[in-house]
N, C-alpha and C. Protein backbone atom coordinates (compact mmCIF):
# COMPACT_ATOMS: atom_id res chain seq x y z
N MET A 1 7.53 46.20 -77.11
CA MET A 1 6.97 45.47 -76.00
C MET A 1 7.88 44.29 -75.65
N PHE A 2 7.93 43.97 -74.35
CA PHE A 2 8.82 42.92 -73.86
C PHE A 2 8.05 42.01 -72.90
N THR A 3 8.73 40.97 -72.39
CA THR A 3 8.08 40.02 -71.49
C THR A 3 8.68 40.01 -70.09
N GLY A 4 9.84 40.62 -69.91
CA GLY A 4 10.51 40.57 -68.62
C GLY A 4 11.30 39.29 -68.41
N ILE A 5 11.43 38.48 -69.46
CA ILE A 5 12.28 37.29 -69.40
C ILE A 5 13.64 37.68 -70.00
N ILE A 6 14.64 37.86 -69.17
CA ILE A 6 15.94 38.35 -69.61
C ILE A 6 16.61 37.31 -70.50
N GLU A 7 17.14 37.78 -71.63
CA GLU A 7 17.76 36.86 -72.59
C GLU A 7 19.27 36.77 -72.44
N GLY A 8 19.88 37.80 -71.92
CA GLY A 8 21.33 37.79 -71.78
C GLY A 8 21.81 38.98 -70.98
N ILE A 9 23.09 38.98 -70.69
CA ILE A 9 23.72 40.08 -69.94
C ILE A 9 24.72 40.76 -70.85
N GLY A 10 24.66 42.09 -70.87
CA GLY A 10 25.60 42.89 -71.64
C GLY A 10 26.55 43.63 -70.74
N GLN A 11 27.60 44.18 -71.35
CA GLN A 11 28.60 44.93 -70.60
C GLN A 11 28.71 46.34 -71.15
N ALA A 12 28.64 47.32 -70.25
CA ALA A 12 28.77 48.71 -70.67
C ALA A 12 30.21 48.98 -71.11
N ARG A 13 30.37 49.47 -72.33
CA ARG A 13 31.68 49.80 -72.84
C ARG A 13 31.93 51.30 -72.90
N GLY A 14 30.88 52.07 -72.67
CA GLY A 14 31.07 53.51 -72.65
C GLY A 14 29.75 54.25 -72.61
N ILE A 15 29.70 55.32 -71.85
CA ILE A 15 28.55 56.23 -71.82
C ILE A 15 29.08 57.64 -72.06
N ARG A 16 28.63 58.26 -73.13
CA ARG A 16 29.11 59.59 -73.48
C ARG A 16 27.96 60.58 -73.35
N LEU A 17 28.14 61.59 -72.50
CA LEU A 17 27.14 62.62 -72.34
C LEU A 17 27.16 63.57 -73.53
N VAL A 18 25.97 63.86 -74.04
CA VAL A 18 25.82 64.80 -75.15
C VAL A 18 24.81 65.85 -74.70
N GLY A 19 25.31 66.92 -74.08
CA GLY A 19 24.42 67.89 -73.45
C GLY A 19 23.73 67.22 -72.28
N GLN A 20 22.39 67.22 -72.26
CA GLN A 20 21.63 66.57 -71.20
C GLN A 20 21.26 65.13 -71.56
N GLU A 21 21.65 64.70 -72.74
CA GLU A 21 21.36 63.35 -73.17
C GLU A 21 22.64 62.52 -73.13
N ALA A 22 22.55 61.27 -73.55
CA ALA A 22 23.73 60.40 -73.49
C ALA A 22 23.69 59.38 -74.61
N THR A 23 24.86 58.90 -74.97
CA THR A 23 25.01 57.79 -75.90
C THR A 23 25.64 56.62 -75.14
N PHE A 24 25.05 55.46 -75.30
CA PHE A 24 25.41 54.29 -74.52
C PHE A 24 25.95 53.22 -75.48
N ILE A 25 27.13 52.67 -75.19
CA ILE A 25 27.70 51.59 -75.99
C ILE A 25 27.79 50.35 -75.12
N ILE A 26 27.20 49.24 -75.58
CA ILE A 26 27.24 48.00 -74.81
C ILE A 26 27.71 46.84 -75.69
N LYS A 27 28.39 45.92 -75.05
CA LYS A 27 28.79 44.66 -75.69
C LYS A 27 27.71 43.64 -75.40
N VAL A 28 27.18 43.01 -76.45
CA VAL A 28 26.04 42.11 -76.31
C VAL A 28 26.47 40.67 -76.60
N PRO A 29 25.68 39.68 -76.16
CA PRO A 29 25.99 38.27 -76.48
C PRO A 29 25.93 38.04 -77.99
N ALA A 30 26.60 37.00 -78.44
CA ALA A 30 26.70 36.72 -79.88
C ALA A 30 25.34 36.47 -80.52
N PHE A 31 24.40 35.89 -79.78
CA PHE A 31 23.11 35.55 -80.39
C PHE A 31 22.19 36.77 -80.57
N PHE A 32 22.66 37.95 -80.19
CA PHE A 32 21.92 39.18 -80.48
C PHE A 32 22.26 39.70 -81.87
N SER A 33 22.91 38.89 -82.68
CA SER A 33 23.35 39.33 -84.02
C SER A 33 22.19 39.60 -84.97
N ASP A 34 20.96 39.18 -84.59
CA ASP A 34 19.81 39.45 -85.46
C ASP A 34 19.24 40.84 -85.24
N CYS A 35 19.84 41.63 -84.34
CA CYS A 35 19.37 43.00 -84.09
C CYS A 35 19.97 43.95 -85.11
N HIS A 36 19.20 45.00 -85.43
CA HIS A 36 19.62 45.97 -86.43
C HIS A 36 19.33 47.39 -85.94
N PRO A 37 19.97 48.39 -86.53
CA PRO A 37 19.64 49.78 -86.17
C PRO A 37 18.15 50.03 -86.32
N GLY A 38 17.59 50.71 -85.33
CA GLY A 38 16.16 50.97 -85.31
C GLY A 38 15.38 50.00 -84.45
N ASP A 39 15.96 48.83 -84.15
CA ASP A 39 15.28 47.87 -83.28
C ASP A 39 15.26 48.37 -81.83
N SER A 40 14.27 47.90 -81.09
CA SER A 40 14.17 48.21 -79.67
C SER A 40 14.91 47.15 -78.85
N LEU A 41 15.55 47.60 -77.80
CA LEU A 41 16.28 46.71 -76.90
C LEU A 41 16.04 47.20 -75.47
N ALA A 42 15.65 46.28 -74.59
CA ALA A 42 15.47 46.63 -73.18
C ALA A 42 16.79 46.45 -72.45
N VAL A 43 17.28 47.54 -71.86
CA VAL A 43 18.54 47.54 -71.11
C VAL A 43 18.19 47.84 -69.65
N ASP A 44 18.36 46.84 -68.78
CA ASP A 44 17.92 46.96 -67.38
C ASP A 44 16.47 47.44 -67.31
N GLY A 45 15.66 46.94 -68.26
CA GLY A 45 14.24 47.26 -68.25
C GLY A 45 13.85 48.53 -68.95
N VAL A 46 14.81 49.25 -69.52
CA VAL A 46 14.53 50.51 -70.21
C VAL A 46 14.56 50.27 -71.71
N CYS A 47 13.48 50.60 -72.39
CA CYS A 47 13.40 50.42 -73.84
C CYS A 47 14.22 51.50 -74.53
N LEU A 48 15.25 51.08 -75.28
CA LEU A 48 16.10 51.99 -76.03
C LEU A 48 16.12 51.57 -77.50
N SER A 49 16.40 52.51 -78.37
CA SER A 49 16.52 52.20 -79.79
C SER A 49 17.98 52.06 -80.17
N ILE A 50 18.28 51.00 -80.91
CA ILE A 50 19.64 50.77 -81.38
C ILE A 50 19.93 51.73 -82.52
N THR A 51 21.00 52.51 -82.39
CA THR A 51 21.34 53.47 -83.45
C THR A 51 22.43 52.97 -84.37
N SER A 52 23.29 52.07 -83.88
CA SER A 52 24.30 51.47 -84.75
C SER A 52 24.75 50.13 -84.19
N VAL A 53 25.19 49.25 -85.11
CA VAL A 53 25.66 47.93 -84.75
C VAL A 53 27.03 47.72 -85.40
N LYS A 54 28.03 47.45 -84.57
CA LYS A 54 29.37 47.13 -85.07
C LYS A 54 29.82 45.84 -84.41
N GLY A 55 29.56 44.72 -85.07
CA GLY A 55 29.85 43.43 -84.47
C GLY A 55 29.00 43.22 -83.24
N ASP A 56 29.64 43.01 -82.10
CA ASP A 56 28.88 42.80 -80.86
C ASP A 56 28.78 44.06 -80.02
N LEU A 57 29.05 45.21 -80.61
CA LEU A 57 28.91 46.50 -79.93
C LEU A 57 27.70 47.25 -80.47
N PHE A 58 26.76 47.55 -79.58
CA PHE A 58 25.57 48.30 -79.95
C PHE A 58 25.68 49.71 -79.38
N THR A 59 25.27 50.69 -80.15
CA THR A 59 25.17 52.07 -79.68
C THR A 59 23.69 52.42 -79.55
N LEU A 60 23.34 53.03 -78.43
CA LEU A 60 21.96 53.40 -78.15
C LEU A 60 21.93 54.81 -77.57
N ASP A 61 20.91 55.57 -77.89
CA ASP A 61 20.76 56.92 -77.36
C ASP A 61 19.85 56.90 -76.14
N ILE A 62 20.19 57.72 -75.14
CA ILE A 62 19.41 57.84 -73.91
C ILE A 62 18.91 59.27 -73.80
N SER A 63 17.59 59.44 -73.69
CA SER A 63 17.00 60.77 -73.64
C SER A 63 17.11 61.38 -72.25
N VAL A 64 16.80 62.67 -72.16
CA VAL A 64 16.81 63.38 -70.88
C VAL A 64 15.84 62.72 -69.90
N GLU A 65 14.62 62.42 -70.35
CA GLU A 65 13.60 61.83 -69.48
C GLU A 65 14.05 60.47 -68.96
N THR A 66 14.68 59.67 -69.82
CA THR A 66 15.15 58.36 -69.40
C THR A 66 16.24 58.47 -68.35
N LEU A 67 17.15 59.43 -68.52
CA LEU A 67 18.20 59.63 -67.53
C LEU A 67 17.62 60.05 -66.17
N LYS A 68 16.52 60.82 -66.20
CA LYS A 68 15.90 61.28 -64.97
C LYS A 68 15.18 60.17 -64.21
N THR A 69 14.54 59.26 -64.95
CA THR A 69 13.64 58.31 -64.31
C THR A 69 14.23 56.91 -64.15
N SER A 70 15.46 56.68 -64.61
CA SER A 70 16.04 55.34 -64.54
C SER A 70 17.43 55.40 -63.93
N THR A 71 18.05 54.24 -63.83
CA THR A 71 19.40 54.13 -63.28
C THR A 71 20.48 54.14 -64.35
N LEU A 72 20.12 54.29 -65.62
CA LEU A 72 21.10 54.16 -66.69
C LEU A 72 22.24 55.17 -66.57
N GLY A 73 21.94 56.36 -66.07
CA GLY A 73 22.98 57.38 -65.94
C GLY A 73 24.02 57.04 -64.89
N ASN A 74 23.74 56.03 -64.05
CA ASN A 74 24.67 55.65 -62.98
C ASN A 74 25.55 54.46 -63.36
N ILE A 75 25.34 53.89 -64.54
CA ILE A 75 26.11 52.71 -64.94
C ILE A 75 27.54 53.12 -65.29
N LYS A 76 28.49 52.39 -64.73
CA LYS A 76 29.91 52.68 -64.97
C LYS A 76 30.44 51.80 -66.09
N GLN A 77 31.54 52.22 -66.69
CA GLN A 77 32.17 51.41 -67.71
C GLN A 77 32.56 50.05 -67.13
N GLY A 78 32.17 49.00 -67.86
CA GLY A 78 32.41 47.64 -67.38
C GLY A 78 31.24 47.06 -66.62
N GLY A 79 30.26 47.90 -66.29
CA GLY A 79 29.08 47.42 -65.56
C GLY A 79 28.24 46.48 -66.40
N MET A 80 27.55 45.56 -65.74
CA MET A 80 26.74 44.57 -66.43
C MET A 80 25.27 44.97 -66.39
N VAL A 81 24.57 44.69 -67.48
CA VAL A 81 23.16 45.08 -67.60
C VAL A 81 22.35 43.92 -68.16
N ASN A 82 21.08 43.87 -67.76
CA ASN A 82 20.15 42.88 -68.29
C ASN A 82 19.65 43.30 -69.67
N LEU A 83 19.56 42.34 -70.58
CA LEU A 83 19.14 42.63 -71.95
C LEU A 83 17.97 41.74 -72.37
N GLU A 84 17.05 42.34 -73.11
CA GLU A 84 15.97 41.58 -73.73
C GLU A 84 15.61 42.22 -75.07
N ARG A 85 15.55 41.40 -76.09
CA ARG A 85 15.10 41.87 -77.39
C ARG A 85 13.58 42.02 -77.37
N ALA A 86 13.06 42.82 -78.31
CA ALA A 86 11.62 43.07 -78.35
C ALA A 86 10.85 41.79 -78.63
N LEU A 87 9.64 41.71 -78.09
CA LEU A 87 8.78 40.55 -78.22
C LEU A 87 8.27 40.42 -79.66
N ARG A 88 8.35 39.20 -80.21
CA ARG A 88 7.67 38.88 -81.46
C ARG A 88 6.26 38.40 -81.13
N LEU A 89 5.31 38.65 -82.03
CA LEU A 89 3.94 38.22 -81.78
C LEU A 89 3.82 36.70 -81.73
N SER A 90 4.80 35.99 -82.28
CA SER A 90 4.76 34.53 -82.28
C SER A 90 5.44 33.94 -81.04
N ASP A 91 6.03 34.78 -80.18
CA ASP A 91 6.76 34.29 -79.01
C ASP A 91 5.81 33.89 -77.89
N ARG A 92 6.31 33.00 -77.01
CA ARG A 92 5.59 32.69 -75.78
C ARG A 92 5.71 33.87 -74.81
N LEU A 93 4.64 34.17 -74.11
CA LEU A 93 4.66 35.25 -73.12
C LEU A 93 4.95 34.63 -71.76
N GLY A 94 6.25 34.39 -71.51
CA GLY A 94 6.64 33.69 -70.30
C GLY A 94 6.55 34.53 -69.04
N GLY A 95 6.70 35.85 -69.14
CA GLY A 95 6.63 36.71 -67.96
C GLY A 95 5.31 37.45 -67.92
N HIS A 96 5.35 38.78 -68.13
CA HIS A 96 4.13 39.56 -68.30
C HIS A 96 4.45 40.69 -69.27
N LEU A 97 3.43 41.39 -69.73
CA LEU A 97 3.66 42.45 -70.70
C LEU A 97 4.42 43.61 -70.06
N VAL A 98 5.57 43.92 -70.61
CA VAL A 98 6.45 44.97 -70.10
C VAL A 98 6.72 45.94 -71.25
N SER A 99 6.49 47.22 -71.00
CA SER A 99 6.63 48.21 -72.08
C SER A 99 8.06 48.73 -72.22
N GLY A 100 8.85 48.64 -71.14
CA GLY A 100 10.18 49.23 -71.17
C GLY A 100 10.17 50.71 -70.84
N HIS A 101 9.01 51.25 -70.46
CA HIS A 101 8.90 52.65 -70.04
C HIS A 101 8.83 52.67 -68.52
N VAL A 102 9.98 52.78 -67.88
CA VAL A 102 10.02 52.63 -66.43
C VAL A 102 9.29 53.77 -65.73
N ASP A 103 8.70 53.45 -64.59
CA ASP A 103 7.94 54.44 -63.83
C ASP A 103 8.81 55.19 -62.83
N GLY A 104 9.98 54.65 -62.55
CA GLY A 104 10.88 55.27 -61.58
C GLY A 104 11.86 54.24 -61.08
N THR A 105 12.51 54.58 -59.99
CA THR A 105 13.48 53.65 -59.41
C THR A 105 13.06 53.25 -58.00
N GLY A 106 13.55 52.10 -57.57
CA GLY A 106 13.36 51.65 -56.20
C GLY A 106 14.71 51.44 -55.56
N ILE A 107 14.72 51.26 -54.26
CA ILE A 107 15.97 51.04 -53.54
C ILE A 107 15.88 49.71 -52.79
N ILE A 108 16.92 48.91 -52.90
CA ILE A 108 16.94 47.61 -52.21
C ILE A 108 17.16 47.85 -50.72
N GLU A 109 16.18 47.45 -49.92
CA GLU A 109 16.21 47.71 -48.48
C GLU A 109 16.71 46.50 -47.68
N ARG A 110 16.52 45.31 -48.22
CA ARG A 110 16.91 44.11 -47.49
C ARG A 110 17.15 42.98 -48.47
N ILE A 111 18.16 42.15 -48.22
CA ILE A 111 18.41 40.95 -49.00
C ILE A 111 18.53 39.79 -48.04
N GLU A 112 17.68 38.79 -48.22
CA GLU A 112 17.72 37.60 -47.36
C GLU A 112 18.08 36.39 -48.21
N ARG A 113 19.15 35.72 -47.85
CA ARG A 113 19.58 34.53 -48.58
C ARG A 113 18.93 33.30 -47.97
N LEU A 114 18.25 32.52 -48.79
CA LEU A 114 17.68 31.25 -48.38
C LEU A 114 18.63 30.15 -48.84
N GLN A 115 18.17 28.90 -48.81
CA GLN A 115 19.06 27.82 -49.22
C GLN A 115 19.48 27.97 -50.69
N ARG A 116 18.51 28.20 -51.56
CA ARG A 116 18.82 28.28 -52.98
C ARG A 116 18.30 29.56 -53.62
N SER A 117 17.53 30.31 -52.88
CA SER A 117 16.89 31.50 -53.43
C SER A 117 17.24 32.73 -52.60
N TRP A 118 16.75 33.88 -53.03
CA TRP A 118 16.97 35.14 -52.34
C TRP A 118 15.62 35.86 -52.23
N ILE A 119 15.41 36.56 -51.13
CA ILE A 119 14.26 37.45 -50.99
C ILE A 119 14.79 38.87 -50.95
N LEU A 120 14.27 39.72 -51.84
CA LEU A 120 14.65 41.12 -51.88
C LEU A 120 13.47 41.97 -51.43
N GLN A 121 13.73 42.88 -50.51
CA GLN A 121 12.74 43.89 -50.16
C GLN A 121 13.13 45.18 -50.83
N ILE A 122 12.20 45.75 -51.60
CA ILE A 122 12.48 46.94 -52.39
C ILE A 122 11.49 48.03 -52.03
N GLY A 123 12.00 49.21 -51.75
CA GLY A 123 11.16 50.35 -51.45
C GLY A 123 11.00 51.23 -52.67
N ILE A 124 9.79 51.74 -52.87
CA ILE A 124 9.52 52.63 -54.00
C ILE A 124 8.82 53.89 -53.50
N ASP A 125 8.72 54.89 -54.36
CA ASP A 125 8.06 56.14 -53.98
C ASP A 125 6.59 55.88 -53.69
N GLN A 126 6.06 56.62 -52.73
CA GLN A 126 4.68 56.43 -52.28
C GLN A 126 3.65 56.46 -53.42
N PRO A 127 3.74 57.39 -54.40
CA PRO A 127 2.73 57.39 -55.46
C PRO A 127 2.63 56.08 -56.23
N LEU A 128 3.73 55.32 -56.32
CA LEU A 128 3.70 54.06 -57.05
C LEU A 128 3.17 52.91 -56.21
N SER A 129 3.18 53.08 -54.89
CA SER A 129 2.85 51.96 -54.01
C SER A 129 1.38 51.52 -54.15
N ARG A 130 0.52 52.42 -54.62
CA ARG A 130 -0.89 52.04 -54.74
C ARG A 130 -1.12 50.97 -55.80
N TYR A 131 -0.13 50.76 -56.67
CA TYR A 131 -0.27 49.74 -57.71
C TYR A 131 0.23 48.38 -57.25
N LEU A 132 0.79 48.29 -56.05
CA LEU A 132 1.32 47.03 -55.57
C LEU A 132 0.20 46.12 -55.10
N ILE A 133 0.26 44.85 -55.48
CA ILE A 133 -0.70 43.88 -55.02
C ILE A 133 0.00 42.54 -54.88
N GLU A 134 -0.23 41.86 -53.80
CA GLU A 134 0.40 40.56 -53.59
C GLU A 134 0.00 39.59 -54.69
N LYS A 135 0.98 38.86 -55.21
CA LYS A 135 0.86 37.93 -56.33
C LYS A 135 0.72 38.66 -57.67
N GLY A 136 0.84 39.99 -57.65
CA GLY A 136 0.83 40.75 -58.89
C GLY A 136 2.21 40.78 -59.52
N SER A 137 2.28 41.25 -60.75
CA SER A 137 3.54 41.30 -61.49
C SER A 137 4.20 42.67 -61.38
N ILE A 138 5.51 42.67 -61.43
CA ILE A 138 6.28 43.91 -61.44
C ILE A 138 7.60 43.63 -62.16
N ALA A 139 8.14 44.64 -62.84
CA ALA A 139 9.43 44.49 -63.51
C ALA A 139 10.49 45.25 -62.72
N VAL A 140 11.55 44.55 -62.34
CA VAL A 140 12.67 45.12 -61.59
C VAL A 140 13.92 44.95 -62.44
N ASP A 141 14.50 46.07 -62.88
CA ASP A 141 15.63 46.03 -63.82
C ASP A 141 15.30 45.17 -65.03
N GLY A 142 14.04 45.24 -65.45
CA GLY A 142 13.60 44.50 -66.63
C GLY A 142 13.21 43.07 -66.40
N ILE A 143 13.32 42.59 -65.15
CA ILE A 143 13.01 41.19 -64.83
C ILE A 143 11.55 41.08 -64.38
N SER A 144 10.79 40.22 -65.02
CA SER A 144 9.42 39.97 -64.60
C SER A 144 9.43 39.17 -63.30
N LEU A 145 8.87 39.77 -62.24
CA LEU A 145 8.85 39.12 -60.93
C LEU A 145 7.44 39.18 -60.34
N THR A 146 7.19 38.29 -59.40
CA THR A 146 5.90 38.26 -58.70
C THR A 146 6.08 38.83 -57.30
N ILE A 147 5.22 39.76 -56.95
CA ILE A 147 5.26 40.36 -55.62
C ILE A 147 4.74 39.34 -54.61
N SER A 148 5.55 39.00 -53.63
CA SER A 148 5.13 38.01 -52.62
C SER A 148 4.54 38.66 -51.38
N ARG A 149 4.91 39.93 -51.13
CA ARG A 149 4.40 40.61 -49.93
C ARG A 149 4.46 42.11 -50.14
N CYS A 150 3.44 42.81 -49.69
CA CYS A 150 3.40 44.27 -49.76
C CYS A 150 3.40 44.83 -48.34
N MET A 151 4.22 45.88 -48.13
CA MET A 151 4.31 46.52 -46.82
C MET A 151 4.39 48.03 -47.05
N GLY A 152 3.23 48.67 -47.17
CA GLY A 152 3.25 50.11 -47.40
C GLY A 152 3.88 50.44 -48.74
N SER A 153 4.99 51.14 -48.71
CA SER A 153 5.67 51.51 -49.95
C SER A 153 6.84 50.58 -50.26
N SER A 154 6.87 49.40 -49.64
CA SER A 154 7.89 48.39 -49.92
C SER A 154 7.21 47.09 -50.35
N PHE A 155 7.96 46.25 -51.04
CA PHE A 155 7.44 44.95 -51.43
C PHE A 155 8.57 43.94 -51.47
N ASP A 156 8.21 42.66 -51.36
CA ASP A 156 9.17 41.56 -51.43
C ASP A 156 9.01 40.82 -52.74
N VAL A 157 10.13 40.38 -53.30
CA VAL A 157 10.13 39.46 -54.43
C VAL A 157 11.12 38.35 -54.13
N THR A 158 10.86 37.17 -54.68
CA THR A 158 11.75 36.03 -54.50
C THR A 158 12.52 35.79 -55.80
N ILE A 159 13.82 35.66 -55.67
CA ILE A 159 14.69 35.40 -56.82
C ILE A 159 15.07 33.92 -56.79
N ILE A 160 14.58 33.17 -57.77
CA ILE A 160 14.89 31.74 -57.82
C ILE A 160 16.26 31.55 -58.49
N PRO A 161 16.86 30.37 -58.34
CA PRO A 161 18.20 30.14 -58.91
C PRO A 161 18.29 30.41 -60.40
N GLN A 162 17.24 30.05 -61.16
CA GLN A 162 17.27 30.29 -62.60
C GLN A 162 17.40 31.78 -62.92
N THR A 163 16.61 32.60 -62.23
CA THR A 163 16.67 34.05 -62.45
C THR A 163 18.01 34.61 -62.01
N ALA A 164 18.52 34.11 -60.89
CA ALA A 164 19.82 34.58 -60.39
C ALA A 164 20.94 34.28 -61.38
N GLY A 165 20.82 33.14 -62.07
CA GLY A 165 21.90 32.73 -62.95
C GLY A 165 21.96 33.45 -64.28
N VAL A 166 20.84 34.07 -64.70
CA VAL A 166 20.81 34.69 -66.04
C VAL A 166 20.59 36.20 -66.00
N THR A 167 20.61 36.79 -64.79
CA THR A 167 20.43 38.23 -64.66
C THR A 167 21.49 38.79 -63.71
N THR A 168 21.44 40.10 -63.53
CA THR A 168 22.38 40.78 -62.63
C THR A 168 21.82 40.99 -61.23
N ILE A 169 20.60 40.53 -60.96
CA ILE A 169 19.89 40.97 -59.76
C ILE A 169 20.60 40.58 -58.46
N VAL A 170 21.23 39.41 -58.38
CA VAL A 170 21.83 39.02 -57.10
C VAL A 170 23.21 39.65 -56.89
N SER A 171 23.67 40.41 -57.88
CA SER A 171 24.92 41.16 -57.67
C SER A 171 24.65 42.50 -57.00
N LYS A 172 23.37 42.84 -56.83
CA LYS A 172 23.01 44.09 -56.18
C LYS A 172 23.25 44.01 -54.68
N ARG A 173 23.38 45.17 -54.06
CA ARG A 173 23.60 45.27 -52.63
C ARG A 173 22.52 46.16 -52.01
N VAL A 174 22.35 46.03 -50.70
CA VAL A 174 21.42 46.92 -50.00
C VAL A 174 21.84 48.37 -50.25
N GLY A 175 20.87 49.20 -50.62
CA GLY A 175 21.13 50.59 -50.94
C GLY A 175 21.23 50.86 -52.42
N ASP A 176 21.40 49.80 -53.23
CA ASP A 176 21.45 49.99 -54.69
C ASP A 176 20.07 50.33 -55.22
N ARG A 177 20.06 51.11 -56.29
CA ARG A 177 18.80 51.46 -56.94
C ARG A 177 18.56 50.55 -58.14
N VAL A 178 17.28 50.29 -58.38
CA VAL A 178 16.87 49.43 -59.50
C VAL A 178 15.72 50.11 -60.24
N ASN A 179 15.59 49.79 -61.53
CA ASN A 179 14.50 50.34 -62.32
C ASN A 179 13.21 49.58 -62.03
N ILE A 180 12.11 50.34 -61.92
CA ILE A 180 10.81 49.77 -61.59
C ILE A 180 9.80 50.11 -62.69
N GLU A 181 9.12 49.08 -63.18
CA GLU A 181 7.97 49.30 -64.06
C GLU A 181 6.77 48.57 -63.47
N ILE A 182 5.75 49.34 -63.12
CA ILE A 182 4.51 48.78 -62.57
C ILE A 182 3.76 48.06 -63.69
N ASP A 183 2.98 47.06 -63.34
CA ASP A 183 2.14 46.36 -64.31
C ASP A 183 1.26 47.38 -65.03
N LEU A 184 1.42 47.51 -66.34
CA LEU A 184 0.73 48.58 -67.07
C LEU A 184 -0.78 48.40 -67.07
N ILE A 185 -1.27 47.17 -66.93
CA ILE A 185 -2.72 46.96 -66.92
C ILE A 185 -3.36 47.68 -65.74
N SER A 186 -2.69 47.67 -64.57
CA SER A 186 -3.26 48.33 -63.40
C SER A 186 -3.38 49.84 -63.60
N LYS A 187 -2.43 50.42 -64.34
CA LYS A 187 -2.48 51.86 -64.57
C LYS A 187 -3.62 52.22 -65.52
N TYR A 188 -3.86 51.40 -66.53
CA TYR A 188 -4.97 51.65 -67.44
C TYR A 188 -6.30 51.53 -66.73
N ILE A 189 -6.43 50.50 -65.88
CA ILE A 189 -7.68 50.32 -65.14
C ILE A 189 -7.95 51.51 -64.22
N GLU A 190 -6.90 51.98 -63.53
CA GLU A 190 -7.07 53.11 -62.63
C GLU A 190 -7.55 54.35 -63.38
N ARG A 191 -6.91 54.62 -64.51
CA ARG A 191 -7.29 55.81 -65.27
C ARG A 191 -8.71 55.69 -65.81
N PHE A 192 -9.05 54.50 -66.27
CA PHE A 192 -10.37 54.28 -66.84
C PHE A 192 -11.47 54.47 -65.81
N LEU A 193 -11.23 53.99 -64.58
CA LEU A 193 -12.26 54.01 -63.56
C LEU A 193 -12.31 55.29 -62.74
N PHE A 194 -11.16 55.87 -62.46
CA PHE A 194 -11.11 56.89 -61.42
C PHE A 194 -10.65 58.26 -61.88
N HIS A 195 -10.21 58.41 -63.14
CA HIS A 195 -9.71 59.72 -63.56
C HIS A 195 -10.87 60.67 -63.82
N ASP A 196 -10.86 61.80 -63.13
CA ASP A 196 -11.96 62.78 -63.26
C ASP A 196 -11.80 63.60 -64.52
N GLY A 197 -12.93 64.05 -65.04
CA GLY A 197 -12.91 65.03 -66.11
C GLY A 197 -12.76 64.46 -67.50
N LEU A 198 -12.76 63.14 -67.66
CA LEU A 198 -12.58 62.58 -68.99
C LEU A 198 -13.90 62.49 -69.74
N ALA A 199 -14.96 62.17 -69.02
CA ALA A 199 -16.25 61.99 -69.69
C ALA A 199 -16.98 63.32 -69.84
N THR A 200 -17.68 63.49 -70.95
CA THR A 200 -18.52 64.66 -71.17
C THR A 200 -19.96 64.30 -70.86
N SER A 201 -20.82 65.30 -70.77
CA SER A 201 -22.21 65.06 -70.44
C SER A 201 -22.94 64.29 -71.53
N LYS A 202 -22.40 64.30 -72.76
CA LYS A 202 -23.03 63.61 -73.87
C LYS A 202 -22.62 62.14 -73.95
N GLU A 203 -21.59 61.76 -73.20
CA GLU A 203 -21.13 60.39 -73.25
C GLU A 203 -21.95 59.51 -72.34
N ARG A 204 -22.21 58.29 -72.78
CA ARG A 204 -22.95 57.34 -71.97
C ARG A 204 -22.04 56.78 -70.88
N PRO A 205 -22.50 56.77 -69.64
CA PRO A 205 -21.67 56.23 -68.55
C PRO A 205 -21.28 54.78 -68.83
N SER A 206 -20.07 54.43 -68.47
CA SER A 206 -19.59 53.07 -68.69
C SER A 206 -20.24 52.12 -67.71
N SER A 207 -20.52 50.90 -68.19
CA SER A 207 -21.06 49.86 -67.31
C SER A 207 -19.97 49.15 -66.53
N VAL A 208 -18.69 49.49 -66.84
CA VAL A 208 -17.57 48.86 -66.16
C VAL A 208 -17.19 49.71 -64.94
N ASP A 209 -17.33 49.16 -63.75
CA ASP A 209 -16.92 49.87 -62.56
C ASP A 209 -16.20 48.89 -61.63
N ARG A 210 -15.78 49.38 -60.47
CA ARG A 210 -15.01 48.56 -59.54
C ARG A 210 -15.76 47.31 -59.12
N ASP A 211 -17.07 47.46 -58.77
CA ASP A 211 -17.84 46.32 -58.31
C ASP A 211 -17.99 45.26 -59.40
N MET A 212 -18.19 45.71 -60.65
CA MET A 212 -18.34 44.77 -61.74
C MET A 212 -17.06 43.96 -61.95
N LEU A 213 -15.90 44.63 -61.86
CA LEU A 213 -14.63 43.92 -62.05
C LEU A 213 -14.43 42.89 -60.94
N ILE A 214 -14.76 43.25 -59.70
CA ILE A 214 -14.60 42.32 -58.59
C ILE A 214 -15.53 41.12 -58.75
N ARG A 215 -16.78 41.37 -59.21
CA ARG A 215 -17.74 40.28 -59.41
C ARG A 215 -17.22 39.28 -60.44
N HIS A 216 -16.45 39.77 -61.41
CA HIS A 216 -15.96 38.90 -62.47
C HIS A 216 -14.55 38.37 -62.20
N GLY A 217 -14.10 38.50 -60.95
CA GLY A 217 -12.88 37.81 -60.55
C GLY A 217 -11.61 38.63 -60.61
N PHE A 218 -11.69 39.92 -60.93
CA PHE A 218 -10.50 40.76 -60.95
C PHE A 218 -10.25 41.28 -59.55
N GLY A 219 -9.13 40.85 -58.94
CA GLY A 219 -8.79 41.35 -57.62
C GLY A 219 -9.02 40.33 -56.52
N GLY A 220 -9.79 39.28 -56.79
CA GLY A 220 -9.93 38.22 -55.79
C GLY A 220 -10.76 38.67 -54.60
N GLY A 221 -10.69 37.89 -53.54
CA GLY A 221 -11.53 38.12 -52.38
C GLY A 221 -11.17 39.33 -51.57
N ASN A 222 -9.95 39.86 -51.72
CA ASN A 222 -9.58 41.01 -50.91
C ASN A 222 -9.97 42.33 -51.53
N GLY A 223 -10.56 42.29 -52.74
CA GLY A 223 -11.07 43.52 -53.32
C GLY A 223 -10.07 44.36 -54.02
N HIS A 224 -8.80 43.95 -54.13
CA HIS A 224 -7.80 44.74 -54.83
C HIS A 224 -7.98 44.59 -56.33
N ILE A 225 -7.76 45.67 -57.06
CA ILE A 225 -7.81 45.63 -58.52
C ILE A 225 -6.45 46.02 -59.04
């Protein structure tokens, strides 16, 4: 589990295809020296397991599913990636809960430069758009961001100077793809409330429904959950 607060930037030193899978070698910052084989590491928001450590070079394996659903297969040698070590239970939760299991990719549709910040408009596949909610959380390339505006299957996020300085996000261009992870709480709520066929006739109906959640402040005045 992660928080979406990027700790450092790594550099791709090599990606080797092994059949339909891949092995990824990255150069990490010096303070990642507390990582060991078997630890989880978020690379551009994708949770990977470290298979070997040689100084500041980490080797990680990338599965077929990860190559299909993320941008990792498109990273070139020398490319820069966002890195975050796994969350400790004693850590502050500065962003939001991020699993590192990306839901798919989005495409940057617009970049607007303000005086000190940037606004990015990102388009995602229609099935994921139902989870978008203004002021809700979303992870873009592993970065915990707040959705400022929703427009159908697109959304806006604001990149403040601090985020720009410690991540790769402002090096992106219109047309670039980014990894997207929807707030996992929204997916659990949807499945709990609306998935057909889970309850049997012997099970007692749940007292938790959409109206009850709205009455208790989930979703605010506009009724979104």
